[in-house]
Amino acid sequence: MIPKWDYHGPMRVIAVSALREFWTLHPDAWGPLQAWYREAVSASWATPTEIKAQYGSASILKNRRVVFNIKGNAYRLVVSVAFRLQIVYVEFVGTHEAYDAIDADTVEPV
């Protein structure tokens, strides 16, 4: 039996509703966010280096935060990753302009 603190199965994405709300307002983000979601839930990232290997343009921040460029950098997605639990928490999804107005290290979901 694998201890739950060392689980390395597929990632779970928490707060998918934030993604849905965003692509409802920005329909052109639907395909890229769906693609990111499918890739994330089929991944089993154990380190930030593994994310960076898959997404070369991702920015690794402190506090287990990662920033993904969505749709050619038109949109930004900020997540927190609990590597041991294999959980990705959506902290922020927005336009590049909205991203510039936040602190990605501390932003909390609304």
PDB file of N, CA and C in Angstrom:
ATOM      1  N   MET A   1       0.849  -1.191   0.000  1.00  0.00           N
ATOM      2  CA  MET A   1       0.000   0.000   0.000  1.00  0.00           C
ATOM      3  C   MET A   1       0.887   1.244   0.000  1.00  0.00           C
ATOM      4  N   ILE A   2       0.559   2.203  -0.861  1.00  0.00           N
ATOM      5  CA  ILE A   2       1.318   3.451  -0.963  1.00  0.00           C
ATOM      6  C   ILE A   2       0.776   4.434   0.067  1.00  0.00           C
ATOM      7  N   PRO A   3       1.653   4.976   0.921  1.00  0.00           N
ATOM      8  CA  PRO A   3       1.174   5.994   1.864  1.00  0.00           C
ATOM      9  C   PRO A   3       0.603   7.179   1.097  1.00  0.00           C
ATOM     10  N   LYS A   4      -0.495   7.755   1.584  1.00  0.00           N
ATOM     11  CA  LYS A   4      -1.139   8.822   0.829  1.00  0.00           C
ATOM     12  C   LYS A   4      -0.255  10.062   0.690  1.00  0.00           C
ATOM     13  N   TRP A   5       0.721  10.240   1.570  1.00  0.00           N
ATOM     14  CA  TRP A   5       1.622  11.384   1.438  1.00  0.00           C
ATOM     15  C   TRP A   5       2.694  11.152   0.372  1.00  0.00           C
ATOM     16  N   ASP A   6       2.769   9.960  -0.180  1.00  0.00           N
ATOM     17  CA  ASP A   6       3.711   9.655  -1.244  1.00  0.00           C
ATOM     18  C   ASP A   6       2.999   9.131  -2.482  1.00  0.00           C
ATOM     19  N   TYR A   7       1.796   9.563  -2.705  1.00  0.00           N
ATOM     20  CA  TYR A   7       0.995   9.108  -3.829  1.00  0.00           C
ATOM     21  C   TYR A   7       1.487   9.774  -5.114  1.00  0.00           C
ATOM     22  N   HIS A   8       1.761   8.988  -6.131  1.00  0.00           N
ATOM     23  CA  HIS A   8       2.199   9.553  -7.417  1.00  0.00           C
ATOM     24  C   HIS A   8       1.367   8.984  -8.550  1.00  0.00           C
ATOM     25  N   GLY A   9       0.087   9.193  -8.477  1.00  0.00           N
ATOM     26  CA  GLY A   9      -0.808   8.802  -9.556  1.00  0.00           C
ATOM     27  C   GLY A   9      -1.121  10.027 -10.389  1.00  0.00           C
ATOM     28  N   PRO A  10      -2.167   9.979 -11.169  1.00  0.00           N
ATOM     29  CA  PRO A  10      -2.535  11.136 -11.988  1.00  0.00           C
ATOM     30  C   PRO A  10      -2.871  12.351 -11.121  1.00  0.00           C
ATOM     31  N   MET A  11      -2.578  13.524 -11.639  1.00  0.00           N
ATOM     32  CA  MET A  11      -2.873  14.765 -10.923  1.00  0.00           C
ATOM     33  C   MET A  11      -4.389  14.970 -10.872  1.00  0.00           C
ATOM     34  N   ARG A  12      -4.833  15.599  -9.816  1.00  0.00           N
ATOM     35  CA  ARG A  12      -6.223  16.035  -9.703  1.00  0.00           C
ATOM     36  C   ARG A  12      -6.230  17.554  -9.761  1.00  0.00           C
ATOM     37  N   VAL A  13      -7.133  18.112 -10.525  1.00  0.00           N
ATOM     38  CA  VAL A  13      -7.228  19.565 -10.648  1.00  0.00           C
ATOM     39  C   VAL A  13      -8.412  20.034  -9.823  1.00  0.00           C
ATOM     40  N   ILE A  14      -8.135  20.936  -8.890  1.00  0.00           N
ATOM     41  CA  ILE A  14      -9.165  21.481  -8.007  1.00  0.00           C
ATOM     42  C   ILE A  14      -9.532  22.880  -8.507  1.00  0.00           C
ATOM     43  N   ALA A  15     -10.811  23.171  -8.501  1.00  0.00           N
ATOM     44  CA  ALA A  15     -11.380  24.454  -8.924  1.00  0.00           C
ATOM     45  C   ALA A  15     -11.477  24.547 -10.438  1.00  0.00           C
ATOM     46  N   VAL A  16     -11.891  23.450 -11.056  1.00  0.00           N
ATOM     47  CA  VAL A  16     -12.139  23.449 -12.501  1.00  0.00           C
ATOM     48  C   VAL A  16     -13.231  24.464 -12.822  1.00  0.00           C
ATOM     49  N   SER A  17     -14.086  24.754 -11.869  1.00  0.00           N
ATOM     50  CA  SER A  17     -15.154  25.730 -12.092  1.00  0.00           C
ATOM     51  C   SER A  17     -14.585  27.098 -12.470  1.00  0.00           C
ATOM     52  N   ALA A  18     -13.421  27.449 -11.934  1.00  0.00           N
ATOM     53  CA  ALA A  18     -12.790  28.724 -12.302  1.00  0.00           C
ATOM     54  C   ALA A  18     -12.412  28.728 -13.776  1.00  0.00           C
ATOM     55  N   LEU A  19     -11.948  27.580 -14.273  1.00  0.00           N
ATOM     56  CA  LEU A  19     -11.623  27.476 -15.697  1.00  0.00           C
ATOM     57  C   LEU A  19     -12.891  27.619 -16.537  1.00  0.00           C
ATOM     58  N   ARG A  20     -13.952  26.923 -16.121  1.00  0.00           N
ATOM     59  CA  ARG A  20     -15.227  26.995 -16.849  1.00  0.00           C
ATOM     60  C   ARG A  20     -15.767  28.421 -16.903  1.00  0.00           C
ATOM     61  N   GLU A  21     -15.726  29.111 -15.768  1.00  0.00           N
ATOM     62  CA  GLU A  21     -16.216  30.493 -15.728  1.00  0.00           C
ATOM     63  C   GLU A  21     -15.409  31.368 -16.675  1.00  0.00           C
ATOM     64  N   PHE A  22     -14.102  31.148 -16.721  1.00  0.00           N
ATOM     65  CA  PHE A  22     -13.255  31.963 -17.570  1.00  0.00           C
ATOM     66  C   PHE A  22     -13.535  31.711 -19.040  1.00  0.00           C
ATOM     67  N   TRP A  23     -13.629  30.441 -19.434  1.00  0.00           N
ATOM     68  CA  TRP A  23     -13.842  30.202 -20.865  1.00  0.00           C
ATOM     69  C   TRP A  23     -15.265  30.554 -21.299  1.00  0.00           C
ATOM     70  N   THR A  24     -16.184  30.690 -20.367  1.00  0.00           N
ATOM     71  CA  THR A  24     -17.517  31.190 -20.705  1.00  0.00           C
ATOM     72  C   THR A  24     -17.418  32.661 -21.119  1.00  0.00           C
ATOM     73  N   LEU A  25     -16.574  33.418 -20.412  1.00  0.00           N
ATOM     74  CA  LEU A  25     -16.368  34.833 -20.742  1.00  0.00           C
ATOM     75  C   LEU A  25     -15.422  35.020 -21.926  1.00  0.00           C
ATOM     76  N   HIS A  26     -14.512  34.080 -22.119  1.00  0.00           N
ATOM     77  CA  HIS A  26     -13.496  34.147 -23.178  1.00  0.00           C
ATOM     78  C   HIS A  26     -13.523  32.827 -23.949  1.00  0.00           C
ATOM     79  N   PRO A  27     -14.488  32.655 -24.853  1.00  0.00           N
ATOM     80  CA  PRO A  27     -14.646  31.377 -25.555  1.00  0.00           C
ATOM     81  C   PRO A  27     -13.400  30.902 -26.297  1.00  0.00           C
ATOM     82  N   ASP A  28     -12.545  31.821 -26.711  1.00  0.00           N
ATOM     83  CA  ASP A  28     -11.326  31.406 -27.409  1.00  0.00           C
ATOM     84  C   ASP A  28     -10.331  30.717 -26.481  1.00  0.00           C
ATOM     85  N   ALA A  29     -10.559  30.794 -25.180  1.00  0.00           N
ATOM     86  CA  ALA A  29      -9.691  30.127 -24.213  1.00  0.00           C
ATOM     87  C   ALA A  29     -10.123  28.678 -23.958  1.00  0.00           C
ATOM     88  N   TRP A  30     -11.319  28.321 -24.409  1.00  0.00           N
ATOM     89  CA  TRP A  30     -11.854  26.979 -24.127  1.00  0.00           C
ATOM     90  C   TRP A  30     -10.911  25.873 -24.597  1.00  0.00           C
ATOM     91  N   GLY A  31     -10.538  25.863 -25.855  1.00  0.00           N
ATOM     92  CA  GLY A  31      -9.675  24.806 -26.390  1.00  0.00           C
ATOM     93  C   GLY A  31      -8.336  24.718 -25.680  1.00  0.00           C
ATOM     94  N   PRO A  32      -7.607  25.838 -25.533  1.00  0.00           N
ATOM     95  CA  PRO A  32      -6.316  25.778 -24.836  1.00  0.00           C
ATOM     96  C   PRO A  32      -6.434  25.352 -23.364  1.00  0.00           C
ATOM     97  N   LEU A  33      -7.477  25.819 -22.669  1.00  0.00           N
ATOM     98  CA  LEU A  33      -7.644  25.407 -21.266  1.00  0.00           C
ATOM     99  C   LEU A  33      -8.036  23.932 -21.170  1.00  0.00           C
ATOM    100  N   GLN A  34      -8.871  23.469 -22.101  1.00  0.00           N
ATOM    101  CA  GLN A  34      -9.219  22.046 -22.130  1.00  0.00           C
ATOM    102  C   GLN A  34      -7.970  21.202 -22.368  1.00  0.00           C
ATOM    103  N   ALA A  35      -7.128  21.641 -23.295  1.00  0.00           N
ATOM    104  CA  ALA A  35      -5.888  20.903 -23.592  1.00  0.00           C
ATOM    105  C   ALA A  35      -4.990  20.869 -22.363  1.00  0.00           C
ATOM    106  N   TRP A  36      -4.840  22.016 -21.674  1.00  0.00           N
ATOM    107  CA  TRP A  36      -4.012  22.051 -20.464  1.00  0.00           C
ATOM    108  C   TRP A  36      -4.587  21.104 -19.412  1.00  0.00           C
ATOM    109  N   TYR A  37      -5.915  21.154 -19.221  1.00  0.00           N
ATOM    110  CA  TYR A  37      -6.562  20.299 -18.228  1.00  0.00           C
ATOM    111  C   TYR A  37      -6.315  18.817 -18.526  1.00  0.00           C
ATOM    112  N   ARG A  38      -6.523  18.411 -19.771  1.00  0.00           N
ATOM    113  CA  ARG A  38      -6.307  17.002 -20.140  1.00  0.00           C
ATOM    114  C   ARG A  38      -4.860  16.575 -19.885  1.00  0.00           C
ATOM    115  N   GLU A  39      -3.926  17.451 -20.222  1.00  0.00           N
ATOM    116  CA  GLU A  39      -2.515  17.128 -19.980  1.00  0.00           C
ATOM    117  C   GLU A  39      -2.211  17.067 -18.490  1.00  0.00           C
ATOM    118  N   ALA A  40      -2.794  17.990 -17.719  1.00  0.00           N
ATOM    119  CA  ALA A  40      -2.532  18.022 -16.274  1.00  0.00           C
ATOM    120  C   ALA A  40      -3.072  16.772 -15.582  1.00  0.00           C
ATOM    121  N   VAL A  41      -4.300  16.357 -15.907  1.00  0.00           N
ATOM    122  CA  VAL A  41      -4.875  15.201 -15.212  1.00  0.00           C
ATOM    123  C   VAL A  41      -4.252  13.878 -15.663  1.00  0.00           C
ATOM    124  N   SER A  42      -3.533  13.884 -16.747  1.00  0.00           N
ATOM    125  CA  SER A  42      -2.843  12.658 -17.152  1.00  0.00           C
ATOM    126  C   SER A  42      -1.377  12.656 -16.713  1.00  0.00           C
ATOM    127  N   ALA A  43      -0.931  13.761 -16.131  1.00  0.00           N
ATOM    128  CA  ALA A  43       0.456  13.861 -15.656  1.00  0.00           C
ATOM    129  C   ALA A  43       0.568  13.298 -14.244  1.00  0.00           C
ATOM    130  N   SER A  44       1.784  13.054 -13.823  1.00  0.00           N
ATOM    131  CA  SER A  44       2.051  12.698 -12.423  1.00  0.00           C
ATOM    132  C   SER A  44       3.346  13.398 -12.011  1.00  0.00           C
ATOM    133  N   TRP A  45       3.286  14.730 -12.037  1.00  0.00           N
ATOM    134  CA  TRP A  45       4.448  15.542 -11.719  1.00  0.00           C
ATOM    135  C   TRP A  45       4.895  15.330 -10.284  1.00  0.00           C
ATOM    136  N   ALA A  46       6.182  15.099 -10.107  1.00  0.00           N
ATOM    137  CA  ALA A  46       6.739  14.933  -8.767  1.00  0.00           C
ATOM    138  C   ALA A  46       7.599  16.117  -8.358  1.00  0.00           C
ATOM    139  N   THR A  47       8.011  16.922  -9.336  1.00  0.00           N
ATOM    140  CA  THR A  47       8.875  18.074  -9.053  1.00  0.00           C
ATOM    141  C   THR A  47       8.552  19.201 -10.035  1.00  0.00           C
ATOM    142  N   PRO A  48       8.927  20.429  -9.676  1.00  0.00           N
ATOM    143  CA  PRO A  48       8.767  21.530 -10.618  1.00  0.00           C
ATOM    144  C   PRO A  48       9.557  21.306 -11.912  1.00  0.00           C
ATOM    145  N   THR A  49      10.672  20.624 -11.828  1.00  0.00           N
ATOM    146  CA  THR A  49      11.489  20.341 -13.007  1.00  0.00           C
ATOM    147  C   THR A  49      10.707  19.531 -14.030  1.00  0.00           C
ATOM    148  N   GLU A  50       9.870  18.607 -13.575  1.00  0.00           N
ATOM    149  CA  GLU A  50       9.057  17.803 -14.490  1.00  0.00           C
ATOM    150  C   GLU A  50       8.021  18.665 -15.210  1.00  0.00           C
ATOM    151  N   ILE A  51       7.468  19.647 -14.500  1.00  0.00           N
ATOM    152  CA  ILE A  51       6.523  20.563 -15.143  1.00  0.00           C
ATOM    153  C   ILE A  51       7.263  21.383 -16.195  1.00  0.00           C
ATOM    154  N   LYS A  52       8.412  21.900 -15.829  1.00  0.00           N
ATOM    155  CA  LYS A  52       9.203  22.731 -16.742  1.00  0.00           C
ATOM    156  C   LYS A  52       9.637  21.930 -17.976  1.00  0.00           C
ATOM    157  N   ALA A  53       9.906  20.643 -17.803  1.00  0.00           N
ATOM    158  CA  ALA A  53      10.277  19.802 -18.948  1.00  0.00           C
ATOM    159  C   ALA A  53       9.106  19.648 -19.917  1.00  0.00           C
ATOM    160  N   GLN A  54       7.889  19.596 -19.383  1.00  0.00           N
ATOM    161  CA  GLN A  54       6.702  19.453 -20.229  1.00  0.00           C
ATOM    162  C   GLN A  54       6.262  20.795 -20.803  1.00  0.00           C
ATOM    163  N   TYR A  55       6.395  21.846 -20.020  1.00  0.00           N
ATOM    164  CA  TYR A  55       5.971  23.193 -20.418  1.00  0.00           C
ATOM    165  C   TYR A  55       7.161  24.133 -20.275  1.00  0.00           C
ATOM    166  N   GLY A  56       7.929  24.241 -21.324  1.00  0.00           N
ATOM    167  CA  GLY A  56       9.136  25.065 -21.281  1.00  0.00           C
ATOM    168  C   GLY A  56       8.874  26.525 -20.976  1.00  0.00           C
ATOM    169  N   SER A  57       7.686  27.025 -21.325  1.00  0.00           N
ATOM    170  CA  SER A  57       7.381  28.431 -21.075  1.00  0.00           C
ATOM    171  C   SER A  57       6.761  28.674 -19.698  1.00  0.00           C
ATOM    172  N   ALA A  58       6.525  27.614 -18.929  1.00  0.00           N
ATOM    173  CA  ALA A  58       5.957  27.781 -17.586  1.00  0.00           C
ATOM    174  C   ALA A  58       6.975  28.481 -16.689  1.00  0.00           C
ATOM    175  N   SER A  59       6.462  29.293 -15.782  1.00  0.00           N
ATOM    176  CA  SER A  59       7.318  29.963 -14.798  1.00  0.00           C
ATOM    177  C   SER A  59       7.114  29.298 -13.454  1.00  0.00           C
ATOM    178  N   ILE A  60       8.196  28.848 -12.862  1.00  0.00           N
ATOM    179  CA  ILE A  60       8.143  28.224 -11.543  1.00  0.00           C
ATOM    180  C   ILE A  60       8.390  29.315 -10.506  1.00  0.00           C
ATOM    181  N   LEU A  61       7.434  29.495  -9.606  1.00  0.00           N
ATOM    182  CA  LEU A  61       7.534  30.514  -8.573  1.00  0.00           C
ATOM    183  C   LEU A  61       7.750  29.857  -7.213  1.00  0.00           C
ATOM    184  N   LYS A  62       7.892  30.687  -6.190  1.00  0.00           N
ATOM    185  CA  LYS A  62       8.000  30.133  -4.841  1.00  0.00           C
ATOM    186  C   LYS A  62       6.635  29.626  -4.393  1.00  0.00           C
ATOM    187  N   ASN A  63       6.595  28.978  -3.254  1.00  0.00           N
ATOM    188  CA  ASN A  63       5.355  28.456  -2.669  1.00  0.00           C
ATOM    189  C   ASN A  63       4.635  27.473  -3.584  1.00  0.00           C
ATOM    190  N   ARG A  64       5.412  26.668  -4.340  1.00  0.00           N
ATOM    191  CA  ARG A  64       4.858  25.635  -5.227  1.00  0.00           C
ATOM    192  C   ARG A  64       3.927  26.203  -6.291  1.00  0.00           C
ATOM    193  N   ARG A  65       4.098  27.461  -6.625  1.00  0.00           N
ATOM    194  CA  ARG A  65       3.260  28.100  -7.640  1.00  0.00           C
ATOM    195  C   ARG A  65       3.891  27.935  -9.024  1.00  0.00           C
ATOM    196  N   VAL A  66       3.020  27.790 -10.024  1.00  0.00           N
ATOM    197  CA  VAL A  66       3.450  27.690 -11.414  1.00  0.00           C
ATOM    198  C   VAL A  66       2.532  28.572 -12.254  1.00  0.00           C
ATOM    199  N   VAL A  67       3.121  29.304 -13.198  1.00  0.00           N
ATOM    200  CA  VAL A  67       2.364  30.138 -14.116  1.00  0.00           C
ATOM    201  C   VAL A  67       2.475  29.518 -15.509  1.00  0.00           C
ATOM    202  N   PHE A  68       1.328  29.243 -16.104  1.00  0.00           N
ATOM    203  CA  PHE A  68       1.267  28.687 -17.453  1.00  0.00           C
ATOM    204  C   PHE A  68       0.783  29.758 -18.416  1.00  0.00           C
ATOM    205  N   ASN A  69       1.393  29.819 -19.575  1.00  0.00           N
ATOM    206  CA  ASN A  69       0.918  30.678 -20.658  1.00  0.00           C
ATOM    207  C   ASN A  69      -0.140  29.892 -21.422  1.00  0.00           C
ATOM    208  N   ILE A  70      -1.294  30.507 -21.590  1.00  0.00           N
ATOM    209  CA  ILE A  70      -2.410  29.857 -22.272  1.00  0.00           C
ATOM    210  C   ILE A  70      -2.724  30.635 -23.545  1.00  0.00           C
ATOM    211  N   LYS A  71      -2.945  29.908 -24.610  1.00  0.00           N
ATOM    212  CA  LYS A  71      -3.276  30.486 -25.915  1.00  0.00           C
ATOM    213  C   LYS A  71      -2.219  31.500 -26.350  1.00  0.00           C
ATOM    214  N   GLY A  72      -0.987  31.021 -26.440  1.00  0.00           N
ATOM    215  CA  GLY A  72       0.090  31.870 -26.936  1.00  0.00           C
ATOM    216  C   GLY A  72       0.358  33.076 -26.070  1.00  0.00           C
ATOM    217  N   ASN A  73       0.176  32.931 -24.769  1.00  0.00           N
ATOM    218  CA  ASN A  73       0.430  33.984 -23.791  1.00  0.00           C
ATOM    219  C   ASN A  73      -0.665  35.060 -23.771  1.00  0.00           C
ATOM    220  N   ALA A  74      -1.808  34.794 -24.416  1.00  0.00           N
ATOM    221  CA  ALA A  74      -2.927  35.732 -24.326  1.00  0.00           C
ATOM    222  C   ALA A  74      -3.535  35.686 -22.930  1.00  0.00           C
ATOM    223  N   TYR A  75      -3.470  34.515 -22.305  1.00  0.00           N
ATOM    224  CA  TYR A  75      -4.029  34.311 -20.972  1.00  0.00           C
ATOM    225  C   TYR A  75      -2.977  33.684 -20.079  1.00  0.00           C
ATOM    226  N   ARG A  76      -3.178  33.830 -18.768  1.00  0.00           N
ATOM    227  CA  ARG A  76      -2.275  33.246 -17.787  1.00  0.00           C
ATOM    228  C   ARG A  76      -3.073  32.404 -16.800  1.00  0.00           C
ATOM    229  N   LEU A  77      -2.465  31.313 -16.410  1.00  0.00           N
ATOM    230  CA  LEU A  77      -3.050  30.396 -15.432  1.00  0.00           C
ATOM    231  C   LEU A  77      -2.039  30.212 -14.313  1.00  0.00           C
ATOM    232  N   VAL A  78      -2.441  30.540 -13.084  1.00  0.00           N
ATOM    233  CA  VAL A  78      -1.582  30.377 -11.917  1.00  0.00           C
ATOM    234  C   VAL A  78      -2.152  29.238 -11.084  1.00  0.00           C
ATOM    235  N   VAL A  79      -1.313  28.270 -10.778  1.00  0.00           N
ATOM    236  CA  VAL A  79      -1.739  27.132  -9.960  1.00  0.00           C
ATOM    237  C   VAL A  79      -0.752  26.920  -8.818  1.00  0.00           C
ATOM    238  N   SER A  80      -1.235  26.258  -7.783  1.00  0.00           N
ATOM    239  CA  SER A  80      -0.377  25.736  -6.718  1.00  0.00           C
ATOM    240  C   SER A  80      -0.370  24.229  -6.894  1.00  0.00           C
ATOM    241  N   VAL A  81       0.784  23.625  -6.700  1.00  0.00           N
ATOM    242  CA  VAL A  81       0.893  22.187  -6.894  1.00  0.00           C
ATOM    243  C   VAL A  81       1.311  21.526  -5.588  1.00  0.00           C
ATOM    244  N   ALA A  82       0.493  20.587  -5.133  1.00  0.00           N
ATOM    245  CA  ALA A  82       0.839  19.751  -3.980  1.00  0.00           C
ATOM    246  C   ALA A  82       1.382  18.451  -4.570  1.00  0.00           C
ATOM    247  N   PHE A  83       2.693  18.400  -4.749  1.00  0.00           N
ATOM    248  CA  PHE A  83       3.304  17.283  -5.455  1.00  0.00           C
ATOM    249  C   PHE A  83       3.051  15.945  -4.772  1.00  0.00           C
ATOM    250  N   ARG A  84       3.187  15.887  -3.460  1.00  0.00           N
ATOM    251  CA  ARG A  84       2.990  14.610  -2.764  1.00  0.00           C
ATOM    252  C   ARG A  84       1.571  14.099  -2.871  1.00  0.00           C
ATOM    253  N   LEU A  85       0.608  15.002  -2.881  1.00  0.00           N
ATOM    254  CA  LEU A  85      -0.802  14.605  -2.977  1.00  0.00           C
ATOM    255  C   LEU A  85      -1.277  14.529  -4.418  1.00  0.00           C
ATOM    256  N   GLN A  86      -0.442  15.021  -5.349  1.00  0.00           N
ATOM    257  CA  GLN A  86      -0.793  15.030  -6.774  1.00  0.00           C
ATOM    258  C   GLN A  86      -2.050  15.853  -7.039  1.00  0.00           C
ATOM    259  N   ILE A  87      -2.065  17.056  -6.458  1.00  0.00           N
ATOM    260  CA  ILE A  87      -3.198  17.961  -6.614  1.00  0.00           C
ATOM    261  C   ILE A  87      -2.703  19.289  -7.173  1.00  0.00           C
ATOM    262  N   VAL A  88      -3.438  19.802  -8.143  1.00  0.00           N
ATOM    263  CA  VAL A  88      -3.179  21.115  -8.719  1.00  0.00           C
ATOM    264  C   VAL A  88      -4.365  22.001  -8.354  1.00  0.00           C
ATOM    265  N   TYR A  89      -4.091  23.111  -7.662  1.00  0.00           N
ATOM    266  CA  TYR A  89      -5.134  24.055  -7.265  1.00  0.00           C
ATOM    267  C   TYR A  89      -5.098  25.256  -8.202  1.00  0.00           C
ATOM    268  N   VAL A  90      -6.200  25.551  -8.863  1.00  0.00           N
ATOM    269  CA  VAL A  90      -6.276  26.733  -9.713  1.00  0.00           C
ATOM    270  C   VAL A  90      -6.406  27.950  -8.803  1.00  0.00           C
ATOM    271  N   GLU A  91      -5.424  28.839  -8.862  1.00  0.00           N
ATOM    272  CA  GLU A  91      -5.426  30.044  -8.040  1.00  0.00           C
ATOM    273  C   GLU A  91      -5.922  31.262  -8.825  1.00  0.00           C
ATOM    274  N   PHE A  92      -5.617  31.294 -10.134  1.00  0.00           N
ATOM    275  CA  PHE A  92      -5.976  32.444 -10.958  1.00  0.00           C
ATOM    276  C   PHE A  92      -5.974  32.022 -12.413  1.00  0.00           C
ATOM    277  N   VAL A  93      -6.943  32.508 -13.158  1.00  0.00           N
ATOM    278  CA  VAL A  93      -6.930  32.409 -14.616  1.00  0.00           C
ATOM    279  C   VAL A  93      -7.445  33.738 -15.127  1.00  0.00           C
ATOM    280  N   GLY A  94      -6.701  34.339 -16.048  1.00  0.00           N
ATOM    281  CA  GLY A  94      -7.108  35.650 -16.523  1.00  0.00           C
ATOM    282  C   GLY A  94      -6.340  36.092 -17.739  1.00  0.00           C
ATOM    283  N   THR A  95      -6.702  37.274 -18.190  1.00  0.00           N
ATOM    284  CA  THR A  95      -6.001  37.862 -19.328  1.00  0.00           C
ATOM    285  C   THR A  95      -4.596  38.254 -18.883  1.00  0.00           C
ATOM    286  N   HIS A  96      -3.758  38.508 -19.851  1.00  0.00           N
ATOM    287  CA  HIS A  96      -2.394  38.925 -19.531  1.00  0.00           C
ATOM    288  C   HIS A  96      -2.420  40.245 -18.755  1.00  0.00           C
ATOM    289  N   GLU A  97      -3.335  41.127 -19.142  1.00  0.00           N
ATOM    290  CA  GLU A  97      -3.472  42.412 -18.454  1.00  0.00           C
ATOM    291  C   GLU A  97      -3.891  42.220 -16.990  1.00  0.00           C
ATOM    292  N   ALA A  98      -4.861  41.339 -16.743  1.00  0.00           N
ATOM    293  CA  ALA A  98      -5.299  41.074 -15.365  1.00  0.00           C
ATOM    294  C   ALA A  98      -4.173  40.426 -14.567  1.00  0.00           C
ATOM    295  N   TYR A  99      -3.407  39.551 -15.214  1.00  0.00           N
ATOM    296  CA  TYR A  99      -2.267  38.910 -14.549  1.00  0.00           C
ATOM    297  C   TYR A  99      -1.242  39.952 -14.098  1.00  0.00           C
ATOM    298  N   ASP A 100      -1.006  40.953 -14.928  1.00  0.00           N
ATOM    299  CA  ASP A 100      -0.034  41.990 -14.577  1.00  0.00           C
ATOM    300  C   ASP A 100      -0.454  42.780 -13.343  1.00  0.00           C
ATOM    301  N   ALA A 101      -1.738  42.747 -12.994  1.00  0.00           N
ATOM    302  CA  ALA A 101      -2.252  43.501 -11.854  1.00  0.00           C
ATOM    303  C   ALA A 101      -2.241  42.700 -10.548  1.00  0.00           C
ATOM    304  N   ILE A 102      -1.833  41.429 -10.597  1.00  0.00           N
ATOM    305  CA  ILE A 102      -1.842  40.599  -9.384  1.00  0.00           C
ATOM    306  C   ILE A 102      -0.425  40.234  -8.975  1.00  0.00           C
ATOM    307  N   ASP A 103      -0.295  39.702  -7.780  1.00  0.00           N
ATOM    308  CA  ASP A 103       0.969  39.107  -7.336  1.00  0.00           C
ATOM    309  C   ASP A 103       0.769  37.602  -7.411  1.00  0.00           C
ATOM    310  N   ALA A 104       1.380  36.962  -8.400  1.00  0.00           N
ATOM    311  CA  ALA A 104       1.181  35.527  -8.630  1.00  0.00           C
ATOM    312  C   ALA A 104       1.657  34.674  -7.465  1.00  0.00           C
ATOM    313  N   ASP A 105       2.546  35.214  -6.634  1.00  0.00           N
ATOM    314  CA  ASP A 105       3.040  34.464  -5.477  1.00  0.00           C
ATOM    315  C   ASP A 105       2.017  34.363  -4.359  1.00  0.00           C
ATOM    316  N   THR A 106       1.064  35.282  -4.344  1.00  0.00           N
ATOM    317  CA  THR A 106       0.129  35.317  -3.220  1.00  0.00           C
ATOM    318  C   THR A 106      -1.339  35.322  -3.624  1.00  0.00           C
ATOM    319  N   VAL A 107      -1.650  35.419  -4.893  1.00  0.00           N
ATOM    320  CA  VAL A 107      -3.044  35.501  -5.325  1.00  0.00           C
ATOM    321  C   VAL A 107      -3.822  34.294  -4.809  1.00  0.00           C
ATOM    322  N   GLU A 108      -5.042  34.558  -4.387  1.00  0.00           N
ATOM    323  CA  GLU A 108      -5.942  33.527  -3.874  1.00  0.00           C
ATOM    324  C   GLU A 108      -7.165  33.477  -4.783  1.00  0.00           C
ATOM    325  N   PRO A 109      -7.772  32.313  -4.928  1.00  0.00           N
ATOM    326  CA  PRO A 109      -8.999  32.251  -5.733  1.00  0.00           C
ATOM    327  C   PRO A 109     -10.081  33.143  -5.146  1.00  0.00           C
ATOM    328  N   VAL A 110     -10.907  33.681  -6.012  1.00  0.00           N
ATOM    329  CA  VAL A 110     -11.982  34.576  -5.547  1.00  0.00           C
ATOM    330  C   VAL A 110     -13.148  33.773  -5.059  1.00  0.00           C
TER     331      VAL A 110
END
